[in-house]
Amino acid sequence: MITYLTTLDKSQQAGVLALISAATDFDGAPPIAEHIVLHLRHGGDKDDRHLILEEANEIVGYAHIDLTDKVAGSSAELVIHPDFRNQGLGRALLGEVVRITSPRLWSHGDLPSAQKIALANGFSKVRTVLQMRRSLTQPLPPQSLDVEIRTFLPSLDEPVWLELNNRAFKGHPEQGDWETEDLYHRMKEKWFDPRGFLIATRNAEPIAFCWTKIHGAHTHTHDVPNSDALDEHGHDPIGEIYAMGVDPDIRGEGLGRAVTIAGLSYLRYQGLMSAMLYVDEENLSAIALYKSLGFVEWGRDVMYVKQKDQRITF
């Protein structure tokens, strides 16, 4: 049974988070974007919509529909529990999504099963985000730029950082146009640590930043879904260059390289063995920077758009 909802109650929220956690363990990549998981934990946008698919009172499928972007259009992401795949449930859930809206469809990890469903039902790839990784056991490049770098100061830095972030990522679909609550939601997360949020300054003014994140713990909590469930998969921890930005007025000085090296050094100092990041495939300058720092492609997230006059295949 598929149910269309504008909000989820606590029980449904826990069931969806447990489903996402199980799929993340099985596939090795989260099936639903982080900002959506944050919405599930802390309260979503007013235009969020949800489809839950239940079998024997258990949530085994979920689709999130975002209707907030009035320019680019709606987007959707969906997941089926690993134990219930290859039964046509993914096609049924996608069919219901398409009956509601004509979405842009995200496939995280670009798994073969998702490719098959998307391409068979009239969707085409329109955007690719690369996941890149590098070992932290190998030497880091030397830091040659003389720049002052400090840690983020909660209760003081929020306004100036938001202004810098939104200018650095102007027009970016996920990182641009952040509001205070977008930052605060992340600051409430278990992984947030201001010591790993590095700010480069000039004359005491922030000019660049590298925000790091550490994934992973050593215990499983899937039997008791909670706000931290997705961070505890019993795998080796990995560091992430979560966001890196430079004041657009002073790009070209090597600040991006400097703060990224500082972020990698911080992650290495935490005893981590590897680091990851996400970058748009079309952002050639950023990819060149990351490759020069030893990163290589690890995986891909792909956005699909449905072509007109195509029907869902059942």
Protein backbone atom coordinates (compact mmCIF):
# COMPACT_ATOMS: atom_id res chain seq x y z
CA MET A 1 0.00 0.00 0.00
CA ILE A 2 1.34 3.43 -0.98
CA THR A 3 0.26 6.41 1.13
CA TYR A 4 0.68 10.07 0.11
CA LEU A 5 1.43 12.40 3.03
CA THR A 6 2.24 16.06 3.57
CA THR A 7 3.83 15.35 6.97
CA LEU A 8 5.14 12.28 8.80
CA ASP A 9 4.29 11.44 12.38
CA LYS A 10 7.02 10.27 14.78
CA SER A 11 6.45 6.59 14.04
CA GLN A 12 6.56 7.11 10.28
CA GLN A 13 9.64 9.32 10.63
CA ALA A 14 11.44 6.58 12.59
CA GLY A 15 10.42 3.95 10.06
CA VAL A 16 11.70 5.99 7.13
CA LEU A 17 15.01 6.71 8.88
CA ALA A 18 15.45 3.01 9.65
CA LEU A 19 14.74 2.17 5.99
CA ILE A 20 17.30 4.71 4.79
CA SER A 21 19.85 3.34 7.25
CA ALA A 22 19.33 -0.27 6.09
CA ALA A 23 19.70 0.74 2.43
CA THR A 24 22.83 2.76 3.21
CA ASP A 25 24.45 -0.29 4.82
CA PHE A 26 23.48 -2.58 1.94
CA ASP A 27 24.41 -0.27 -0.96
CA GLY A 28 27.39 1.47 0.57
CA ALA A 29 25.89 4.89 -0.22
CA PRO A 30 22.98 6.85 1.27
CA PRO A 31 19.92 6.63 -1.02
CA ILE A 32 18.51 9.96 0.17
CA ALA A 33 20.35 13.30 0.26
CA GLU A 34 21.59 14.67 3.56
CA HIS A 35 19.42 17.80 3.51
CA ILE A 36 16.31 15.60 3.18
CA VAL A 37 17.41 13.46 6.12
CA LEU A 38 17.85 16.68 8.09
CA HIS A 39 14.29 17.64 7.16
CA LEU A 40 13.08 14.26 8.38
CA ARG A 41 14.87 14.69 11.69
CA HIS A 42 14.16 18.35 12.41
CA GLY A 43 11.04 19.18 10.42
CA GLY A 44 10.78 19.56 6.67
CA ASP A 45 9.98 22.36 4.29
CA LYS A 46 6.31 23.23 4.00
CA ASP A 47 6.26 21.97 0.41
CA ASP A 48 7.81 18.56 1.17
CA ARG A 49 5.67 15.59 0.19
CA HIS A 50 6.12 11.94 1.16
CA LEU A 51 5.14 8.56 -0.23
CA ILE A 52 5.49 5.58 2.08
CA LEU A 53 5.08 2.02 0.85
CA GLU A 54 4.15 -0.52 3.52
CA GLU A 55 4.14 -4.30 3.68
CA ALA A 56 2.68 -5.94 6.81
CA ASN A 57 2.74 -2.56 8.61
CA GLU A 58 6.45 -2.12 7.88
CA ILE A 59 7.74 0.79 5.78
CA VAL A 60 9.70 -0.88 2.98
CA GLY A 61 9.66 1.95 0.44
CA TYR A 62 9.88 5.72 0.63
CA ALA A 63 9.85 8.61 -1.83
CA HIS A 64 10.54 12.23 -0.99
CA ILE A 65 9.12 14.90 -3.30
CA ASP A 66 10.41 18.46 -3.07
CA LEU A 67 8.10 21.06 -4.61
CA THR A 68 10.02 24.11 -3.37
CA ASP A 69 12.01 25.04 -6.50
CA LYS A 70 9.60 27.05 -8.62
CA VAL A 71 12.24 27.65 -11.32
CA ALA A 72 13.95 24.29 -11.89
CA GLY A 73 10.86 22.31 -10.89
CA SER A 74 10.18 19.52 -8.44
CA SER A 75 12.68 16.81 -7.50
CA ALA A 76 12.30 13.35 -6.03
CA GLU A 77 14.38 10.64 -4.39
CA LEU A 78 13.23 7.15 -3.51
CA VAL A 79 14.44 3.99 -1.82
CA ILE A 80 13.27 0.38 -1.43
CA HIS A 81 14.40 -1.80 1.46
CA PRO A 82 17.06 -4.31 0.28
CA ASP A 83 14.90 -7.26 1.41
CA PHE A 84 12.00 -6.14 -0.80
CA ARG A 85 13.75 -5.34 -4.08
CA ASN A 86 13.18 -7.01 -7.45
CA GLN A 87 9.45 -7.24 -6.75
CA GLY A 88 8.31 -4.26 -8.83
CA LEU A 89 7.97 -2.01 -5.79
CA GLY A 90 10.46 0.54 -7.10
CA ARG A 91 8.56 0.89 -10.37
CA ALA A 92 5.28 1.21 -8.50
CA LEU A 93 6.68 3.92 -6.23
CA LEU A 94 8.20 5.79 -9.17
CA GLY A 95 4.91 5.53 -11.03
CA GLU A 96 3.11 7.17 -8.13
CA VAL A 97 5.72 9.94 -8.00
CA VAL A 98 5.23 10.69 -11.69
CA ARG A 99 1.45 10.74 -11.28
CA ILE A 100 1.89 13.50 -8.69
CA THR A 101 4.52 15.61 -10.46
CA SER A 102 7.11 15.60 -13.25
CA PRO A 103 10.24 15.48 -11.13
CA ARG A 104 13.97 15.65 -11.47
CA LEU A 105 15.01 12.28 -10.06
CA TRP A 106 18.19 11.77 -8.02
CA SER A 107 20.03 8.44 -7.97
CA HIS A 108 22.70 8.40 -5.26
CA GLY A 109 25.54 6.04 -6.09
CA ASP A 110 24.15 5.65 -9.62
CA LEU A 111 23.36 2.02 -8.86
CA PRO A 112 22.58 -0.28 -11.83
CA SER A 113 19.09 -1.00 -10.52
CA ALA A 114 18.29 2.73 -10.37
CA GLN A 115 19.74 3.28 -13.85
CA LYS A 116 17.55 0.51 -15.22
CA ILE A 117 14.32 1.85 -13.74
CA ALA A 118 15.09 5.46 -14.70
CA LEU A 119 16.16 4.82 -18.29
CA ALA A 120 13.38 2.30 -18.93
CA ASN A 121 10.81 4.86 -17.93
CA GLY A 122 11.82 7.82 -20.03
CA PHE A 123 14.34 9.54 -17.74
CA SER A 124 17.65 10.91 -19.04
CA LYS A 125 20.77 11.98 -17.14
CA VAL A 126 21.15 15.75 -16.81
CA ARG A 127 23.58 16.23 -13.90
CA THR A 128 26.36 14.21 -12.28
CA VAL A 129 28.01 14.80 -8.92
CA LEU A 130 31.30 12.99 -8.32
CA GLN A 131 32.37 11.51 -5.03
CA MET A 132 36.16 11.70 -4.75
CA ARG A 133 38.45 10.14 -2.16
CA ARG A 134 42.07 10.10 -1.10
CA SER A 135 44.11 8.26 1.50
CA LEU A 136 45.20 10.22 4.55
CA THR A 137 48.05 7.80 5.18
CA GLN A 138 49.93 9.30 2.23
CA PRO A 139 51.83 12.61 2.65
CA LEU A 140 49.81 15.78 2.25
CA PRO A 141 50.97 18.51 -0.14
CA PRO A 142 52.97 21.28 1.54
CA GLN A 143 51.17 24.44 2.55
CA SER A 144 52.89 27.33 0.77
CA LEU A 145 50.38 30.16 1.31
CA ASP A 146 50.76 32.33 4.37
CA VAL A 147 47.18 32.66 5.62
CA GLU A 148 45.59 32.92 9.06
CA ILE A 149 43.23 30.02 9.77
CA ARG A 150 41.08 29.66 12.89
CA THR A 151 38.14 27.54 13.98
CA PHE A 152 34.47 28.49 13.64
CA LEU A 153 33.10 30.35 16.66
CA PRO A 154 29.48 29.35 17.42
CA SER A 155 27.19 32.24 18.39
CA LEU A 156 29.57 34.70 16.71
CA ASP A 157 30.37 33.48 13.20
CA GLU A 158 26.94 32.43 11.92
CA PRO A 159 25.95 35.71 10.17
CA VAL A 160 29.32 36.44 8.56
CA TRP A 161 29.82 32.83 7.49
CA LEU A 162 26.35 32.63 5.93
CA GLU A 163 27.04 35.79 3.95
CA LEU A 164 30.38 34.40 2.73
CA ASN A 165 28.90 30.99 1.92
CA ASN A 166 26.01 32.41 -0.08
CA ARG A 167 28.31 34.61 -2.13
CA ALA A 168 30.79 31.78 -2.71
CA PHE A 169 28.02 29.40 -3.80
CA LYS A 170 25.68 31.85 -5.52
CA GLY A 171 23.33 29.90 -7.78
CA HIS A 172 24.38 26.49 -6.43
CA PRO A 173 21.29 24.27 -6.04
CA GLU A 174 22.25 22.81 -2.65
CA GLN A 175 24.84 25.09 -1.04
CA GLY A 176 23.60 28.51 -2.15
CA ASP A 177 20.94 30.72 -0.55
CA TRP A 178 21.28 29.19 2.91
CA GLU A 179 19.29 30.67 5.76
CA THR A 180 20.15 30.59 9.45
CA GLU A 181 18.10 27.46 10.07
CA ASP A 182 20.02 25.58 7.35
CA LEU A 183 23.20 26.15 9.34
CA TYR A 184 21.61 25.53 12.73
CA HIS A 185 20.16 22.18 11.64
CA ARG A 186 23.67 20.99 10.84
CA MET A 187 25.12 22.44 14.02
CA LYS A 188 22.66 20.28 15.98
CA GLU A 189 23.87 17.09 14.31
CA LYS A 190 26.00 14.64 16.25
CA TRP A 191 28.86 14.96 13.77
CA PHE A 192 29.17 18.75 14.06
CA ASP A 193 32.43 19.90 15.65
CA PRO A 194 33.48 23.57 15.37
CA ARG A 195 37.13 22.48 15.65
CA GLY A 196 36.80 20.95 12.19
CA PHE A 197 35.12 24.04 10.72
CA LEU A 198 38.11 26.09 9.58
CA ILE A 199 37.92 29.77 8.66
CA ALA A 200 40.64 31.67 6.79
CA THR A 201 40.73 35.36 7.69
CA ARG A 202 42.33 38.56 6.47
CA ASN A 203 42.24 41.63 8.69
CA ALA A 204 39.97 39.57 10.97
CA GLU A 205 37.40 39.12 8.16
CA PRO A 206 36.50 35.61 6.89
CA ILE A 207 37.68 35.13 3.28
CA ALA A 208 37.56 31.34 2.85
CA PHE A 209 36.55 28.22 4.74
CA CYS A 210 36.85 24.45 4.83
CA TRP A 211 34.14 22.68 6.80
CA THR A 212 34.96 19.05 7.60
CA LYS A 213 32.73 16.21 8.71
CA ILE A 214 33.51 12.79 10.17
CA HIS A 215 31.29 9.85 9.19
CA GLY A 216 31.03 6.54 10.94
CA ALA A 217 31.11 4.91 14.35
CA HIS A 218 31.73 1.42 15.65
CA THR A 219 28.26 0.29 16.65
CA HIS A 220 24.98 -0.38 14.91
CA THR A 221 21.79 1.27 16.16
CA HIS A 222 19.34 0.08 13.53
CA ASP A 223 17.10 -1.64 16.07
CA VAL A 224 16.41 1.68 17.79
CA PRO A 225 15.96 4.31 15.09
CA ASN A 226 16.90 7.80 16.25
CA SER A 227 18.40 11.03 14.97
CA ASP A 228 21.89 9.56 14.89
CA ALA A 229 21.09 6.26 13.19
CA LEU A 230 22.55 7.19 9.83
CA ASP A 231 25.90 8.05 11.39
CA GLU A 232 26.42 4.67 13.05
CA HIS A 233 27.07 1.88 10.60
CA GLY A 234 29.90 -0.02 12.27
CA HIS A 235 32.32 0.88 9.48
CA ASP A 236 35.72 2.55 9.57
CA PRO A 237 35.29 6.30 10.05
CA ILE A 238 35.98 8.54 7.07
CA GLY A 239 36.50 12.28 6.92
CA GLU A 240 34.75 14.55 4.47
CA ILE A 241 35.59 17.93 3.03
CA TYR A 242 31.96 18.86 3.61
CA ALA A 243 32.07 22.35 2.13
CA MET A 244 34.90 24.53 0.87
CA GLY A 245 34.41 28.06 -0.35
CA VAL A 246 36.37 31.21 -1.18
CA ASP A 247 35.29 34.83 -1.33
CA PRO A 248 34.54 35.29 -5.06
CA ASP A 249 36.25 38.70 -5.04
CA ILE A 250 39.66 37.17 -4.25
CA ARG A 251 39.65 33.85 -6.06
CA GLY A 252 42.86 32.86 -7.80
CA GLU A 253 45.16 33.43 -4.83
CA GLY A 254 45.38 29.77 -3.81
CA LEU A 255 43.06 30.11 -0.83
CA GLY A 256 40.95 27.09 -1.85
CA ARG A 257 44.04 24.89 -1.90
CA ALA A 258 45.26 26.33 1.41
CA VAL A 259 42.06 25.74 3.37
CA THR A 260 41.54 22.28 1.84
CA ILE A 261 45.02 21.22 2.93
CA ALA A 262 44.23 22.59 6.38
CA GLY A 263 41.01 20.55 6.43
CA LEU A 264 42.82 17.38 5.36
CA SER A 265 45.47 17.98 8.02
CA TYR A 266 42.75 18.31 10.65
CA LEU A 267 41.11 15.04 9.55
CA ARG A 268 44.45 13.28 9.53
CA TYR A 269 45.17 14.57 13.04
CA GLN A 270 41.91 12.90 14.17
CA GLY A 271 43.46 9.55 13.23
CA LEU A 272 41.36 9.00 10.10
CA MET A 273 42.69 6.89 7.24
CA SER A 274 40.83 8.46 4.31
CA ALA A 275 38.89 11.52 3.16
CA MET A 276 36.07 12.14 0.70
CA LEU A 277 34.21 15.02 -0.94
CA TYR A 278 31.49 15.74 -3.50
CA VAL A 279 31.89 17.98 -6.55
CA ASP A 280 29.84 18.65 -9.68
CA GLU A 281 31.25 16.91 -12.76
CA GLU A 282 31.11 20.23 -14.62
CA ASN A 283 33.18 22.07 -12.00
CA LEU A 284 36.46 21.43 -13.80
CA SER A 285 38.54 23.90 -11.80
CA ALA A 286 37.52 22.32 -8.49
CA ILE A 287 38.13 18.82 -9.83
CA ALA A 288 41.60 19.87 -11.02
CA LEU A 289 42.34 21.24 -7.54
CA TYR A 290 41.20 18.08 -5.81
CA LYS A 291 43.14 15.85 -8.20
CA SER A 292 46.26 17.91 -7.50
CA LEU A 293 45.68 17.13 -3.81
CA GLY A 294 45.54 13.39 -4.47
CA PHE A 295 41.79 12.79 -4.80
CA VAL A 296 40.44 10.30 -7.33
CA GLU A 297 36.88 9.53 -8.42
CA TRP A 298 35.12 6.99 -6.19
CA GLY A 299 31.44 7.14 -7.17
CA ARG A 300 28.69 9.20 -8.79
CA ASP A 301 25.29 10.67 -7.96
CA VAL A 302 23.13 11.31 -11.00
CA MET A 303 20.09 13.47 -11.63
CA TYR A 304 17.57 12.23 -14.21
CA VAL A 305 14.80 14.19 -15.89
CA LYS A 306 11.77 12.55 -17.45
CA GLN A 307 11.23 13.11 -21.15
CA LYS A 308 7.78 14.20 -22.27
CA ASP A 309 5.18 11.69 -23.41
CA GLN A 310 6.93 8.76 -21.74
CA ARG A 311 4.93 6.31 -19.67
CA ILE A 312 6.04 4.36 -16.63
CA THR A 313 6.84 0.71 -17.44
CA PHE A 314 5.31 -1.87 -15.14
